[in-house]
PDB file of N, CA and C in Angstrom:
ATOM      1  N   MET A   1     -18.544   5.363  10.453  1.00  0.00           N
ATOM      2  CA  MET A   1     -16.852   4.768  10.442  1.00  0.00           C
ATOM      3  C   MET A   1     -17.134   4.757  11.772  1.00  0.00           C
ATOM      4  N   PRO A   2     -15.939   3.376  12.695  1.00  0.00           N
ATOM      5  CA  PRO A   2     -15.736   2.742  13.763  1.00  0.00           C
ATOM      6  C   PRO A   2     -14.684   3.930  14.273  1.00  0.00           C
ATOM      7  N   SER A   3     -14.940   4.247  15.706  1.00  0.00           N
ATOM      8  CA  SER A   3     -14.466   5.457  16.466  1.00  0.00           C
ATOM      9  C   SER A   3     -12.439   5.093  16.246  1.00  0.00           C
ATOM     10  N   TRP A   4     -11.927   3.271  16.276  1.00  0.00           N
ATOM     11  CA  TRP A   4     -10.900   3.388  16.327  1.00  0.00           C
ATOM     12  C   TRP A   4     -10.254   3.635  14.765  1.00  0.00           C
ATOM     13  N   ALA A   5     -10.826   3.819  13.925  1.00  0.00           N
ATOM     14  CA  ALA A   5     -10.182   4.270  12.530  1.00  0.00           C
ATOM     15  C   ALA A   5      -9.758   5.712  12.371  1.00  0.00           C
ATOM     16  N   SER A   6      -9.318   6.269  13.223  1.00  0.00           N
ATOM     17  CA  SER A   6      -8.599   7.312  12.756  1.00  0.00           C
ATOM     18  C   SER A   6      -7.623   7.511  13.505  1.00  0.00           C
ATOM     19  N   GLY A   7      -7.027   8.874  13.090  1.00  0.00           N
ATOM     20  CA  GLY A   7      -5.736   9.507  14.168  1.00  0.00           C
ATOM     21  C   GLY A   7      -4.099   8.866  13.698  1.00  0.00           C
ATOM     22  N   SER A   8      -4.257   7.980  12.699  1.00  0.00           N
ATOM     23  CA  SER A   8      -3.100   7.333  12.154  1.00  0.00           C
ATOM     24  C   SER A   8      -2.154   8.034  11.320  1.00  0.00           C
ATOM     25  N   GLU A   9      -0.721   7.286  11.296  1.00  0.00           N
ATOM     26  CA  GLU A   9      -0.261   8.077   9.657  1.00  0.00           C
ATOM     27  C   GLU A   9      -0.574   7.648   8.921  1.00  0.00           C
ATOM     28  N   PHE A  10      -1.395   6.133   8.367  1.00  0.00           N
ATOM     29  CA  PHE A  10      -1.847   6.104   7.063  1.00  0.00           C
ATOM     30  C   PHE A  10      -2.860   5.199   7.562  1.00  0.00           C
ATOM     31  N   LEU A  11      -4.096   6.040   6.939  1.00  0.00           N
ATOM     32  CA  LEU A  11      -5.802   4.982   6.585  1.00  0.00           C
ATOM     33  C   LEU A  11      -5.863   5.513   5.487  1.00  0.00           C
ATOM     34  N   SER A  12      -6.589   4.163   5.575  1.00  0.00           N
ATOM     35  CA  SER A  12      -7.375   4.558   4.111  1.00  0.00           C
ATOM     36  C   SER A  12      -8.872   4.332   4.237  1.00  0.00           C
ATOM     37  N   ILE A  13      -9.753   4.309   3.969  1.00  0.00           N
ATOM     38  CA  ILE A  13     -10.965   3.949   4.366  1.00  0.00           C
ATOM     39  C   ILE A  13     -11.932   3.544   2.753  1.00  0.00           C
ATOM     40  N   THR A  14     -12.460   2.368   2.018  1.00  0.00           N
ATOM     41  CA  THR A  14     -13.246   2.460   1.483  1.00  0.00           C
ATOM     42  C   THR A  14     -14.629   1.735   1.613  1.00  0.00           C
ATOM     43  N   ARG A  15     -15.517   2.184   0.818  1.00  0.00           N
ATOM     44  CA  ARG A  15     -17.112   1.909   1.456  1.00  0.00           C
ATOM     45  C   ARG A  15     -17.261   1.782  -0.239  1.00  0.00           C
ATOM     46  N   THR A  16     -18.098   0.142  -0.057  1.00  0.00           N
ATOM     47  CA  THR A  16     -18.716  -0.331  -1.494  1.00  0.00           C
ATOM     48  C   THR A  16     -20.304  -0.744  -0.997  1.00  0.00           C
ATOM     49  N   ALA A  17     -21.211  -1.190  -1.745  1.00  0.00           N
ATOM     50  CA  ALA A  17     -22.232  -1.939  -1.755  1.00  0.00           C
ATOM     51  C   ALA A  17     -22.361  -3.283  -0.741  1.00  0.00           C
ATOM     52  N   ASN A  18     -21.004  -3.330  -0.728  1.00  0.00           N
ATOM     53  CA  ASN A  18     -21.139  -5.027  -0.104  1.00  0.00           C
ATOM     54  C   ASN A  18     -19.648  -4.892   0.840  1.00  0.00           C
ATOM     55  N   GLU A  19     -19.323  -3.919   0.862  1.00  0.00           N
ATOM     56  CA  GLU A  19     -18.094  -4.021   2.348  1.00  0.00           C
ATOM     57  C   GLU A  19     -17.660  -2.547   2.838  1.00  0.00           C
ATOM     58  N   LEU A  20     -16.996  -2.636   3.802  1.00  0.00           N
ATOM     59  CA  LEU A  20     -16.128  -1.413   4.434  1.00  0.00           C
ATOM     60  C   LEU A  20     -14.834  -2.102   4.795  1.00  0.00           C
ATOM     61  N   SER A  21     -14.285  -1.729   3.927  1.00  0.00           N
ATOM     62  CA  SER A  21     -12.463  -1.954   4.514  1.00  0.00           C
ATOM     63  C   SER A  21     -11.954  -0.772   4.722  1.00  0.00           C
ATOM     64  N   ILE A  22     -10.925  -0.626   5.393  1.00  0.00           N
ATOM     65  CA  ILE A  22     -10.389   0.248   6.724  1.00  0.00           C
ATOM     66  C   ILE A  22      -8.718  -0.724   6.763  1.00  0.00           C
ATOM     67  N   VAL A  23      -7.934   0.115   5.518  1.00  0.00           N
ATOM     68  CA  VAL A  23      -6.168   0.186   5.863  1.00  0.00           C
ATOM     69  C   VAL A  23      -5.861   0.616   6.763  1.00  0.00           C
ATOM     70  N   CYS A  24      -5.448   0.666   8.081  1.00  0.00           N
ATOM     71  CA  CYS A  24      -4.382   1.419   9.231  1.00  0.00           C
ATOM     72  C   CYS A  24      -3.640   0.535   9.611  1.00  0.00           C
ATOM     73  N   PRO A  25      -3.222   0.923  10.922  1.00  0.00           N
ATOM     74  CA  PRO A  25      -2.023   0.368  11.377  1.00  0.00           C
ATOM     75  C   PRO A  25      -2.698  -0.791  12.558  1.00  0.00           C
ATOM     76  N   GLU A  26      -2.176  -1.800  12.295  1.00  0.00           N
ATOM     77  CA  GLU A  26      -2.554  -3.324  12.886  1.00  0.00           C
ATOM     78  C   GLU A  26      -2.989  -3.207  14.378  1.00  0.00           C
ATOM     79  N   GLU A  27      -1.820  -2.264  14.534  1.00  0.00           N
ATOM     80  CA  GLU A  27      -2.224  -1.795  16.254  1.00  0.00           C
ATOM     81  C   GLU A  27      -3.859  -0.818  16.468  1.00  0.00           C
ATOM     82  N   SER A  28      -4.129  -0.667  16.077  1.00  0.00           N
ATOM     83  CA  SER A  28      -5.458  -0.050  15.596  1.00  0.00           C
ATOM     84  C   SER A  28      -6.638  -0.306  15.816  1.00  0.00           C
ATOM     85  N   VAL A  29      -6.399  -1.860  15.126  1.00  0.00           N
ATOM     86  CA  VAL A  29      -7.609  -2.819  14.622  1.00  0.00           C
ATOM     87  C   VAL A  29      -7.752  -3.684  16.568  1.00  0.00           C
ATOM     88  N   PRO A  30      -8.890  -3.373  16.781  1.00  0.00           N
ATOM     89  CA  PRO A  30      -9.156  -3.847  17.993  1.00  0.00           C
ATOM     90  C   PRO A  30      -9.661  -4.945  18.054  1.00  0.00           C
ATOM     91  N   GLY A  31      -9.822  -5.887  18.938  1.00  0.00           N
ATOM     92  CA  GLY A  31      -9.536  -7.958  18.914  1.00  0.00           C
ATOM     93  C   GLY A  31     -11.353  -7.554  18.364  1.00  0.00           C
ATOM     94  N   GLY A  32     -11.136  -8.423  17.951  1.00  0.00           N
ATOM     95  CA  GLY A  32     -12.613  -9.199  17.214  1.00  0.00           C
ATOM     96  C   GLY A  32     -12.821  -8.906  16.074  1.00  0.00           C
ATOM     97  N   ILE A  33     -12.197  -8.042  15.290  1.00  0.00           N
ATOM     98  CA  ILE A  33     -12.253  -7.572  14.338  1.00  0.00           C
ATOM     99  C   ILE A  33     -11.441  -8.470  12.635  1.00  0.00           C
ATOM    100  N   ASP A  34     -12.193  -8.939  11.886  1.00  0.00           N
ATOM    101  CA  ASP A  34     -11.559  -9.652  10.465  1.00  0.00           C
ATOM    102  C   ASP A  34     -11.128  -8.932  10.305  1.00  0.00           C
ATOM    103  N   ALA A  35      -9.014  -9.627  10.191  1.00  0.00           N
ATOM    104  CA  ALA A  35      -8.873  -8.316   9.754  1.00  0.00           C
ATOM    105  C   ALA A  35      -7.270  -9.377   9.542  1.00  0.00           C
ATOM    106  N   VAL A  36      -6.261  -8.792   8.335  1.00  0.00           N
ATOM    107  CA  VAL A  36      -4.721  -9.333   8.092  1.00  0.00           C
ATOM    108  C   VAL A  36      -3.980  -8.381   8.333  1.00  0.00           C
ATOM    109  N   SER A  37      -2.901  -9.031   8.970  1.00  0.00           N
ATOM    110  CA  SER A  37      -1.437  -8.013   9.632  1.00  0.00           C
ATOM    111  C   SER A  37      -0.429  -8.200   9.286  1.00  0.00           C
ATOM    112  N   GLY A  38       0.642  -7.703   9.237  1.00  0.00           N
ATOM    113  CA  GLY A  38       1.876  -8.173   8.498  1.00  0.00           C
ATOM    114  C   GLY A  38       2.030  -7.458   7.133  1.00  0.00           C
ATOM    115  N   TYR A  39       1.923  -6.202   7.522  1.00  0.00           N
ATOM    116  CA  TYR A  39       1.737  -5.302   6.058  1.00  0.00           C
ATOM    117  C   TYR A  39       2.823  -4.210   5.837  1.00  0.00           C
ATOM    118  N   ARG A  40       3.686  -4.087   5.119  1.00  0.00           N
ATOM    119  CA  ARG A  40       4.608  -2.174   5.038  1.00  0.00           C
ATOM    120  C   ARG A  40       3.780  -1.913   4.081  1.00  0.00           C
ATOM    121  N   VAL A  41       4.126  -0.330   4.272  1.00  0.00           N
ATOM    122  CA  VAL A  41       3.421   0.806   3.682  1.00  0.00           C
ATOM    123  C   VAL A  41       4.549   1.118   2.904  1.00  0.00           C
ATOM    124  N   LEU A  42       5.144   1.341   1.208  1.00  0.00           N
ATOM    125  CA  LEU A  42       5.789   2.106   0.864  1.00  0.00           C
ATOM    126  C   LEU A  42       5.014   2.827  -0.201  1.00  0.00           C
ATOM    127  N   ALA A  43       5.083   4.513   0.411  1.00  0.00           N
ATOM    128  CA  ALA A  43       4.879   5.614  -0.740  1.00  0.00           C
ATOM    129  C   ALA A  43       5.506   5.592  -2.130  1.00  0.00           C
ATOM    130  N   LEU A  44       5.099   5.653  -3.123  1.00  0.00           N
ATOM    131  CA  LEU A  44       5.145   6.175  -4.506  1.00  0.00           C
ATOM    132  C   LEU A  44       5.302   7.955  -4.436  1.00  0.00           C
ATOM    133  N   VAL A  45       6.366   8.529  -4.318  1.00  0.00           N
ATOM    134  CA  VAL A  45       6.242   9.965  -4.175  1.00  0.00           C
ATOM    135  C   VAL A  45       5.862  10.183  -5.559  1.00  0.00           C
ATOM    136  N   GLY A  46       5.088  11.316  -5.911  1.00  0.00           N
ATOM    137  CA  GLY A  46       3.971  11.863  -6.473  1.00  0.00           C
ATOM    138  C   GLY A  46       4.350  13.072  -6.386  1.00  0.00           C
ATOM    139  N   PRO A  47       2.987  14.318  -6.497  1.00  0.00           N
ATOM    140  CA  PRO A  47       1.721  13.479  -6.906  1.00  0.00           C
ATOM    141  C   PRO A  47       2.082  13.043  -8.366  1.00  0.00           C
ATOM    142  N   PHE A  48       1.556  12.492  -8.920  1.00  0.00           N
ATOM    143  CA  PHE A  48       1.037  11.738  -9.950  1.00  0.00           C
ATOM    144  C   PHE A  48      -0.259  12.416 -10.745  1.00  0.00           C
ATOM    145  N   PRO A  49      -0.054  12.761 -12.316  1.00  0.00           N
ATOM    146  CA  PRO A  49      -1.127  13.512 -12.542  1.00  0.00           C
ATOM    147  C   PRO A  49      -2.040  11.940 -13.397  1.00  0.00           C
ATOM    148  N   LEU A  50      -3.101  12.369 -12.836  1.00  0.00           N
ATOM    149  CA  LEU A  50      -4.156  11.073 -13.046  1.00  0.00           C
ATOM    150  C   LEU A  50      -4.205  11.004 -14.394  1.00  0.00           C
ATOM    151  N   THR A  51      -3.672  11.381 -15.012  1.00  0.00           N
ATOM    152  CA  THR A  51      -3.431  10.854 -16.579  1.00  0.00           C
ATOM    153  C   THR A  51      -2.344  10.568 -17.592  1.00  0.00           C
ATOM    154  N   ALA A  52      -1.918  10.267 -15.837  1.00  0.00           N
ATOM    155  CA  ALA A  52      -0.188   9.255 -16.519  1.00  0.00           C
ATOM    156  C   ALA A  52      -0.323   7.837 -16.630  1.00  0.00           C
ATOM    157  N   VAL A  53      -0.086   7.303 -17.519  1.00  0.00           N
ATOM    158  CA  VAL A  53      -0.305   5.883 -17.880  1.00  0.00           C
ATOM    159  C   VAL A  53       1.037   5.112 -17.665  1.00  0.00           C
ATOM    160  N   GLY A  54       1.179   4.230 -16.589  1.00  0.00           N
ATOM    161  CA  GLY A  54       2.063   3.210 -16.244  1.00  0.00           C
ATOM    162  C   GLY A  54       2.724   3.274 -15.463  1.00  0.00           C
ATOM    163  N   ILE A  55       2.352   4.464 -14.697  1.00  0.00           N
ATOM    164  CA  ILE A  55       3.073   4.868 -13.083  1.00  0.00           C
ATOM    165  C   ILE A  55       2.732   3.006 -12.642  1.00  0.00           C
ATOM    166  N   LEU A  56       1.657   2.643 -11.938  1.00  0.00           N
ATOM    167  CA  LEU A  56       2.099   1.262 -10.744  1.00  0.00           C
ATOM    168  C   LEU A  56       2.070   0.474 -12.081  1.00  0.00           C
ATOM    169  N   LEU A  57       2.055   0.368 -12.902  1.00  0.00           N
ATOM    170  CA  LEU A  57       2.584  -0.652 -13.506  1.00  0.00           C
ATOM    171  C   LEU A  57       3.902  -1.113 -13.371  1.00  0.00           C
ATOM    172  N   SER A  58       4.941  -0.101 -13.265  1.00  0.00           N
ATOM    173  CA  SER A  58       6.576   0.358 -13.504  1.00  0.00           C
ATOM    174  C   SER A  58       6.451  -0.398 -12.347  1.00  0.00           C
ATOM    175  N   PHE A  59       6.000  -0.386 -11.023  1.00  0.00           N
ATOM    176  CA  PHE A  59       6.614  -0.627  -9.722  1.00  0.00           C
ATOM    177  C   PHE A  59       5.828  -2.041  -9.620  1.00  0.00           C
ATOM    178  N   ALA A  60       4.583  -2.582  -9.934  1.00  0.00           N
ATOM    179  CA  ALA A  60       3.759  -3.896  -9.774  1.00  0.00           C
ATOM    180  C   ALA A  60       4.420  -4.708 -10.858  1.00  0.00           C
ATOM    181  N   GLU A  61       5.051  -4.553 -12.094  1.00  0.00           N
ATOM    182  CA  GLU A  61       4.980  -5.463 -12.617  1.00  0.00           C
ATOM    183  C   GLU A  61       6.568  -6.060 -12.274  1.00  0.00           C
ATOM    184  N   PRO A  62       7.590  -5.203 -11.689  1.00  0.00           N
ATOM    185  CA  PRO A  62       8.506  -6.280 -11.451  1.00  0.00           C
ATOM    186  C   PRO A  62       8.210  -7.280 -10.095  1.00  0.00           C
ATOM    187  N   LEU A  63       7.316  -6.729  -9.117  1.00  0.00           N
ATOM    188  CA  LEU A  63       7.435  -7.300  -7.997  1.00  0.00           C
ATOM    189  C   LEU A  63       6.381  -8.778  -8.308  1.00  0.00           C
ATOM    190  N   ALA A  64       5.597  -8.495  -9.164  1.00  0.00           N
ATOM    191  CA  ALA A  64       5.072  -9.843  -9.617  1.00  0.00           C
ATOM    192  C   ALA A  64       5.787 -10.456 -10.395  1.00  0.00           C
ATOM    193  N   ARG A  65       6.760  -9.899 -11.040  1.00  0.00           N
ATOM    194  CA  ARG A  65       8.096 -10.994 -11.783  1.00  0.00           C
ATOM    195  C   ARG A  65       8.159 -12.099 -10.423  1.00  0.00           C
ATOM    196  N   GLU A  66       8.780 -11.528  -9.379  1.00  0.00           N
ATOM    197  CA  GLU A  66       9.494 -11.837  -8.384  1.00  0.00           C
ATOM    198  C   GLU A  66       8.498 -12.336  -6.961  1.00  0.00           C
ATOM    199  N   GLN A  67       6.753 -12.700  -7.410  1.00  0.00           N
ATOM    200  CA  GLN A  67       6.167 -13.257  -6.697  1.00  0.00           C
ATOM    201  C   GLN A  67       5.927 -12.348  -5.652  1.00  0.00           C
ATOM    202  N   ILE A  68       6.000 -11.285  -5.357  1.00  0.00           N
ATOM    203  CA  ILE A  68       5.843 -10.114  -4.423  1.00  0.00           C
ATOM    204  C   ILE A  68       4.636 -10.083  -4.518  1.00  0.00           C
ATOM    205  N   SER A  69       3.388 -10.253  -3.738  1.00  0.00           N
ATOM    206  CA  SER A  69       1.836  -9.884  -3.966  1.00  0.00           C
ATOM    207  C   SER A  69       2.143  -8.119  -3.049  1.00  0.00           C
ATOM    208  N   ILE A  70       1.188  -7.777  -3.701  1.00  0.00           N
ATOM    209  CA  ILE A  70       1.050  -5.989  -3.410  1.00  0.00           C
ATOM    210  C   ILE A  70      -0.791  -6.084  -3.010  1.00  0.00           C
ATOM    211  N   LEU A  71      -0.601  -4.625  -2.357  1.00  0.00           N
ATOM    212  CA  LEU A  71      -2.446  -4.144  -2.623  1.00  0.00           C
ATOM    213  C   LEU A  71      -1.671  -2.967  -2.365  1.00  0.00           C
ATOM    214  N   ALA A  72      -2.470  -2.234  -3.543  1.00  0.00           N
ATOM    215  CA  ALA A  72      -2.111  -0.424  -4.073  1.00  0.00           C
ATOM    216  C   ALA A  72      -3.510   0.178  -3.711  1.00  0.00           C
ATOM    217  N   ILE A  73      -3.109   0.887  -3.164  1.00  0.00           N
ATOM    218  CA  ILE A  73      -4.056   2.025  -2.656  1.00  0.00           C
ATOM    219  C   ILE A  73      -3.617   3.164  -3.363  1.00  0.00           C
ATOM    220  N   GLY A  74      -4.566   4.025  -4.472  1.00  0.00           N
ATOM    221  CA  GLY A  74      -3.939   5.446  -5.201  1.00  0.00           C
ATOM    222  C   GLY A  74      -5.172   6.618  -4.172  1.00  0.00           C
ATOM    223  N   THR A  75      -4.842   7.790  -4.256  1.00  0.00           N
ATOM    224  CA  THR A  75      -4.647   8.739  -3.268  1.00  0.00           C
ATOM    225  C   THR A  75      -4.919  10.149  -5.148  1.00  0.00           C
ATOM    226  N   PHE A  76      -5.291  10.935  -4.600  1.00  0.00           N
ATOM    227  CA  PHE A  76      -5.088  12.212  -5.496  1.00  0.00           C
ATOM    228  C   PHE A  76      -3.534  12.728  -5.828  1.00  0.00           C
ATOM    229  N   ASP A  77      -2.878  12.837  -4.688  1.00  0.00           N
ATOM    230  CA  ASP A  77      -1.463  13.224  -4.988  1.00  0.00           C
ATOM    231  C   ASP A  77      -0.232  11.667  -5.538  1.00  0.00           C
ATOM    232  N   THR A  78      -0.487  10.848  -4.693  1.00  0.00           N
ATOM    233  CA  THR A  78      -0.053   9.512  -5.472  1.00  0.00           C
ATOM    234  C   THR A  78      -0.246   8.680  -4.674  1.00  0.00           C
ATOM    235  N   ASP A  79       0.096   7.119  -5.221  1.00  0.00           N
ATOM    236  CA  ASP A  79      -0.062   6.008  -4.697  1.00  0.00           C
ATOM    237  C   ASP A  79       0.633   4.917  -3.426  1.00  0.00           C
ATOM    238  N   TYR A  80       0.038   3.982  -2.990  1.00  0.00           N
ATOM    239  CA  TYR A  80       0.769   3.223  -2.391  1.00  0.00           C
ATOM    240  C   TYR A  80       0.999   1.820  -2.452  1.00  0.00           C
ATOM    241  N   LEU A  81       1.913   1.230  -2.452  1.00  0.00           N
ATOM    242  CA  LEU A  81       2.242  -0.297  -2.077  1.00  0.00           C
ATOM    243  C   LEU A  81       1.726  -0.621  -0.664  1.00  0.00           C
ATOM    244  N   LEU A  82       1.347  -1.680  -0.232  1.00  0.00           N
ATOM    245  CA  LEU A  82       1.199  -2.256   0.982  1.00  0.00           C
ATOM    246  C   LEU A  82       2.162  -4.130   0.676  1.00  0.00           C
ATOM    247  N   VAL A  83       2.720  -4.602   1.298  1.00  0.00           N
ATOM    248  CA  VAL A  83       3.809  -5.543   0.655  1.00  0.00           C
ATOM    249  C   VAL A  83       3.379  -6.551   2.133  1.00  0.00           C
ATOM    250  N   ARG A  84       3.812  -7.706   2.337  1.00  0.00           N
ATOM    251  CA  ARG A  84       3.745  -7.649   3.631  1.00  0.00           C
ATOM    252  C   ARG A  84       5.282  -8.210   3.819  1.00  0.00           C
ATOM    253  N   SER A  85       5.098  -7.649   4.944  1.00  0.00           N
ATOM    254  CA  SER A  85       6.576  -7.447   5.908  1.00  0.00           C
ATOM    255  C   SER A  85       7.306  -8.226   5.837  1.00  0.00           C
ATOM    256  N   ALA A  86       7.357  -9.324   5.429  1.00  0.00           N
ATOM    257  CA  ALA A  86       8.332 -10.451   5.152  1.00  0.00           C
ATOM    258  C   ALA A  86       9.070 -10.466   4.063  1.00  0.00           C
ATOM    259  N   ASP A  87       8.224  -9.857   2.586  1.00  0.00           N
ATOM    260  CA  ASP A  87       9.094  -9.434   1.726  1.00  0.00           C
ATOM    261  C   ASP A  87       9.045  -8.096   1.672  1.00  0.00           C
ATOM    262  N   LEU A  88       9.344  -7.453   2.300  1.00  0.00           N
ATOM    263  CA  LEU A  88       9.516  -5.673   2.682  1.00  0.00           C
ATOM    264  C   LEU A  88      11.094  -5.566   1.912  1.00  0.00           C
ATOM    265  N   GLU A  89      12.384  -6.285   2.432  1.00  0.00           N
ATOM    266  CA  GLU A  89      13.440  -5.962   2.059  1.00  0.00           C
ATOM    267  C   GLU A  89      13.634  -6.084   0.432  1.00  0.00           C
ATOM    268  N   ARG A  90      13.102  -7.566  -0.145  1.00  0.00           N
ATOM    269  CA  ARG A  90      13.038  -8.149  -1.325  1.00  0.00           C
ATOM    270  C   ARG A  90      12.484  -6.951  -2.243  1.00  0.00           C
ATOM    271  N   ALA A  91      11.172  -6.613  -1.849  1.00  0.00           N
ATOM    272  CA  ALA A  91      10.643  -5.870  -2.674  1.00  0.00           C
ATOM    273  C   ALA A  91      11.357  -4.499  -2.904  1.00  0.00           C
ATOM    274  N   ILE A  92      12.163  -3.709  -1.921  1.00  0.00           N
ATOM    275  CA  ILE A  92      12.841  -2.633  -2.352  1.00  0.00           C
ATOM    276  C   ILE A  92      13.941  -2.888  -3.053  1.00  0.00           C
ATOM    277  N   ALA A  93      14.480  -4.442  -2.717  1.00  0.00           N
ATOM    278  CA  ALA A  93      15.852  -4.364  -3.606  1.00  0.00           C
ATOM    279  C   ALA A  93      15.595  -4.960  -5.183  1.00  0.00           C
ATOM    280  N   VAL A  94      14.567  -5.147  -5.203  1.00  0.00           N
ATOM    281  CA  VAL A  94      14.018  -5.488  -6.687  1.00  0.00           C
ATOM    282  C   VAL A  94      13.273  -4.260  -7.399  1.00  0.00           C
ATOM    283  N   LEU A  95      12.566  -3.050  -6.635  1.00  0.00           N
ATOM    284  CA  LEU A  95      12.129  -1.444  -7.388  1.00  0.00           C
ATOM    285  C   LEU A  95      13.288  -1.219  -7.371  1.00  0.00           C
ATOM    286  N   CYS A  96      14.359  -1.046  -6.664  1.00  0.00           N
ATOM    287  CA  CYS A  96      15.691  -0.342  -6.926  1.00  0.00           C
ATOM    288  C   CYS A  96      16.700  -1.047  -8.026  1.00  0.00           C
ATOM    289  N   GLY A  97      16.452  -2.175  -8.045  1.00  0.00           N
ATOM    290  CA  GLY A  97      17.094  -2.830  -9.366  1.00  0.00           C
ATOM    291  C   GLY A  97      15.729  -2.731 -10.854  1.00  0.00           C
ATOM    292  N   SER A  98      15.172  -2.097 -10.174  1.00  0.00           N
ATOM    293  CA  SER A  98      14.212  -1.934 -11.325  1.00  0.00           C
ATOM    294  C   SER A  98      14.323  -0.314 -12.099  1.00  0.00           C
ATOM    295  N   GLY A  99      15.411   0.583 -11.876  1.00  0.00           N
ATOM    296  CA  GLY A  99      14.878   1.587 -11.740  1.00  0.00           C
ATOM    297  C   GLY A  99      14.570   2.538 -11.149  1.00  0.00           C
ATOM    298  N   HIS A 100      13.590   2.000  -9.979  1.00  0.00           N
ATOM    299  CA  HIS A 100      13.558   3.100  -8.561  1.00  0.00           C
ATOM    300  C   HIS A 100      14.216   3.759  -7.339  1.00  0.00           C
ATOM    301  N   GLU A 101      14.342   4.468  -7.193  1.00  0.00           N
ATOM    302  CA  GLU A 101      14.636   5.496  -6.270  1.00  0.00           C
ATOM    303  C   GLU A 101      13.762   5.248  -5.024  1.00  0.00           C
ATOM    304  N   LEU A 102      15.061   4.536  -3.545  1.00  0.00           N
ATOM    305  CA  LEU A 102      14.321   4.544  -2.575  1.00  0.00           C
ATOM    306  C   LEU A 102      14.631   5.946  -1.625  1.00  0.00           C
ATOM    307  N   VAL A 103      13.774   6.620  -0.787  1.00  0.00           N
ATOM    308  CA  VAL A 103      13.988   7.654  -0.323  1.00  0.00           C
ATOM    309  C   VAL A 103      13.439   7.510   1.152  1.00  0.00           C
ATOM    310  N   ARG A 104      14.263   7.119   2.410  1.00  0.00           N
ATOM    311  CA  ARG A 104      13.682   6.857   3.139  1.00  0.00           C
ATOM    312  C   ARG A 104      13.375   8.005   4.023  1.00  0.00           C
TER     313      ARG A 104
END
């Protein structure tokens, strides 16, 4: 793992046979690295049992209806949605309008 991929409040590292994907604060990424910036993280307050069905769908579906794209990352205890910074306030409004509660 690269040394710059550590010590942040949010860090997700996924390795497959074809890639190494690191999701971290954009200010942690050094120049010259292929990266996409401008995202914000929404934590879905859990924990959610791994056997629970439809948790992510209940968040993703209303956002998709409003053409708000997401990157979903799941952990053992909870799930996270990354949305474009430009879509953040609209995403929050859509989720609240869909019955989800915002906790700051």
